[in-house]
């Protein structure tokens, strides 16, 4: 994901709001559409990040070694990007 600066955001809003969602650039046509994407919450500090990463790495290894997990656990890991 790219975080847009103020100028870039203004330009994209202008393109979308003026119904110019399709535009040409470099002999290619592009279609801009808005999607409401929910980003997963990120840990607030570095030690928490490391603990979360270690947890999911261990979980991946457990899956590869044949350990069983509940559907809820697998969905949580997918939501966090671990799977």
C-alpha atoms as a PDB file:
ATOM      1  CA  UNK A   1       0.000   0.000   0.000  1.00  0.00           C
ATOM      2  CA  UNK A   2       1.264   3.462  -0.853  1.00  0.00           C
ATOM      3  CA  UNK A   3       0.423   6.358   1.415  1.00  0.00           C
ATOM      4  CA  UNK A   4      -0.454   9.342  -0.761  1.00  0.00           C
ATOM      5  CA  UNK A   5       0.767  12.846  -0.134  1.00  0.00           C
ATOM      6  CA  UNK A   6      -1.709  15.734  -0.171  1.00  0.00           C
ATOM      7  CA  UNK A   7      -1.228  16.523  -3.874  1.00  0.00           C
ATOM      8  CA  UNK A   8      -1.645  12.890  -4.967  1.00  0.00           C
ATOM      9  CA  UNK A   9      -4.772  12.456  -2.849  1.00  0.00           C
ATOM     10  CA  UNK A  10      -6.290  15.650  -4.260  1.00  0.00           C
ATOM     11  CA  UNK A  11      -5.599  14.494  -7.828  1.00  0.00           C
ATOM     12  CA  UNK A  12      -7.195  11.082  -7.276  1.00  0.00           C
ATOM     13  CA  UNK A  13     -10.254  12.635  -5.622  1.00  0.00           C
ATOM     14  CA  UNK A  14     -10.597  14.958  -8.601  1.00  0.00           C
ATOM     15  CA  UNK A  15     -10.408  12.039 -11.042  1.00  0.00           C
ATOM     16  CA  UNK A  16     -13.012  10.016  -9.136  1.00  0.00           C
ATOM     17  CA  UNK A  17     -15.397  12.907  -8.347  1.00  0.00           C
ATOM     18  CA  UNK A  18     -15.493  14.204 -11.912  1.00  0.00           C
ATOM     19  CA  UNK A  19     -16.536  10.793 -13.253  1.00  0.00           C
ATOM     20  CA  UNK A  20     -13.200  10.465 -15.017  1.00  0.00           C
ATOM     21  CA  UNK A  21     -12.426   7.118 -13.433  1.00  0.00           C
ATOM     22  CA  UNK A  22     -11.016   5.809 -16.732  1.00  0.00           C
ATOM     23  CA  UNK A  23      -7.937   7.578 -18.027  1.00  0.00           C
ATOM     24  CA  UNK A  24      -5.087   6.942 -20.442  1.00  0.00           C
ATOM     25  CA  UNK A  25      -1.432   6.985 -19.516  1.00  0.00           C
ATOM     26  CA  UNK A  26       1.415   5.628 -21.615  1.00  0.00           C
ATOM     27  CA  UNK A  27      -0.896   4.046 -24.231  1.00  0.00           C
ATOM     28  CA  UNK A  28      -2.686   2.087 -21.482  1.00  0.00           C
ATOM     29  CA  UNK A  29      -6.165   2.635 -20.083  1.00  0.00           C
ATOM     30  CA  UNK A  30      -6.582   2.647 -16.310  1.00  0.00           C
ATOM     31  CA  UNK A  31      -9.787   2.456 -14.282  1.00  0.00           C
ATOM     32  CA  UNK A  32      -9.750   3.960 -10.788  1.00  0.00           C
ATOM     33  CA  UNK A  33     -12.327   2.679  -8.326  1.00  0.00           C
ATOM     34  CA  UNK A  34     -12.809   3.167  -4.615  1.00  0.00           C
ATOM     35  CA  UNK A  35     -12.703   0.189  -2.275  1.00  0.00           C
ATOM     36  CA  UNK A  36     -13.229   0.453   1.465  1.00  0.00           C
ATOM     37  CA  UNK A  37     -10.347  -1.687   2.710  1.00  0.00           C
ATOM     38  CA  UNK A  38     -10.050  -2.473   6.397  1.00  0.00           C
ATOM     39  CA  UNK A  39      -6.432  -2.712   7.459  1.00  0.00           C
ATOM     40  CA  UNK A  40      -5.511  -5.076  10.287  1.00  0.00           C
ATOM     41  CA  UNK A  41      -4.560  -3.380  13.533  1.00  0.00           C
ATOM     42  CA  UNK A  42      -0.820  -3.160  14.000  1.00  0.00           C
ATOM     43  CA  UNK A  43       0.916  -3.641  17.335  1.00  0.00           C
ATOM     44  CA  UNK A  44       1.895  -0.374  19.003  1.00  0.00           C
ATOM     45  CA  UNK A  45       5.427  -1.232  20.066  1.00  0.00           C
ATOM     46  CA  UNK A  46       8.327  -3.192  18.636  1.00  0.00           C
ATOM     47  CA  UNK A  47       8.444  -5.893  21.336  1.00  0.00           C
ATOM     48  CA  UNK A  48       4.747  -6.578  20.790  1.00  0.00           C
ATOM     49  CA  UNK A  49       5.375  -6.825  17.035  1.00  0.00           C
ATOM     50  CA  UNK A  50       8.157  -9.345  17.594  1.00  0.00           C
ATOM     51  CA  UNK A  51       5.950 -11.453  19.887  1.00  0.00           C
ATOM     52  CA  UNK A  52       3.141 -11.491  17.328  1.00  0.00           C
ATOM     53  CA  UNK A  53       5.549 -12.433  14.523  1.00  0.00           C
ATOM     54  CA  UNK A  54       7.029 -15.235  16.644  1.00  0.00           C
ATOM     55  CA  UNK A  55       3.548 -16.533  17.472  1.00  0.00           C
ATOM     56  CA  UNK A  56       2.549 -16.734  13.819  1.00  0.00           C
ATOM     57  CA  UNK A  57       5.858 -18.232  12.718  1.00  0.00           C
ATOM     58  CA  UNK A  58       5.406 -20.968  15.336  1.00  0.00           C
ATOM     59  CA  UNK A  59       1.831 -21.497  14.178  1.00  0.00           C
ATOM     60  CA  UNK A  60       2.973 -21.882  10.558  1.00  0.00           C
ATOM     61  CA  UNK A  61       5.506 -24.487  11.657  1.00  0.00           C
ATOM     62  CA  UNK A  62       2.825 -26.302  13.667  1.00  0.00           C
ATOM     63  CA  UNK A  63       0.570 -26.417  10.601  1.00  0.00           C
ATOM     64  CA  UNK A  64       3.394 -27.784   8.454  1.00  0.00           C
ATOM     65  CA  UNK A  65       4.058 -30.438  11.112  1.00  0.00           C
ATOM     66  CA  UNK A  66       0.426 -31.598  11.045  1.00  0.00           C
ATOM     67  CA  UNK A  67      -0.973 -30.011  14.214  1.00  0.00           C
ATOM     68  CA  UNK A  68      -4.740 -29.412  14.046  1.00  0.00           C
ATOM     69  CA  UNK A  69      -6.291 -25.964  14.468  1.00  0.00           C
ATOM     70  CA  UNK A  70      -9.863 -24.747  14.803  1.00  0.00           C
ATOM     71  CA  UNK A  71     -11.491 -22.834  11.959  1.00  0.00           C
ATOM     72  CA  UNK A  72     -11.490 -19.682  14.117  1.00  0.00           C
ATOM     73  CA  UNK A  73      -7.727 -19.946  14.664  1.00  0.00           C
ATOM     74  CA  UNK A  74      -7.083 -20.379  10.943  1.00  0.00           C
ATOM     75  CA  UNK A  75      -9.368 -17.439  10.053  1.00  0.00           C
ATOM     76  CA  UNK A  76      -7.560 -15.243  12.608  1.00  0.00           C
ATOM     77  CA  UNK A  77      -4.184 -16.178  11.126  1.00  0.00           C
ATOM     78  CA  UNK A  78      -5.456 -15.417   7.612  1.00  0.00           C
ATOM     79  CA  UNK A  79      -6.843 -12.043   8.731  1.00  0.00           C
ATOM     80  CA  UNK A  80      -3.477 -11.119  10.226  1.00  0.00           C
ATOM     81  CA  UNK A  81      -1.635 -12.136   7.081  1.00  0.00           C
ATOM     82  CA  UNK A  82       0.161 -15.069   8.669  1.00  0.00           C
ATOM     83  CA  UNK A  83      -1.292 -17.525   6.155  1.00  0.00           C
END
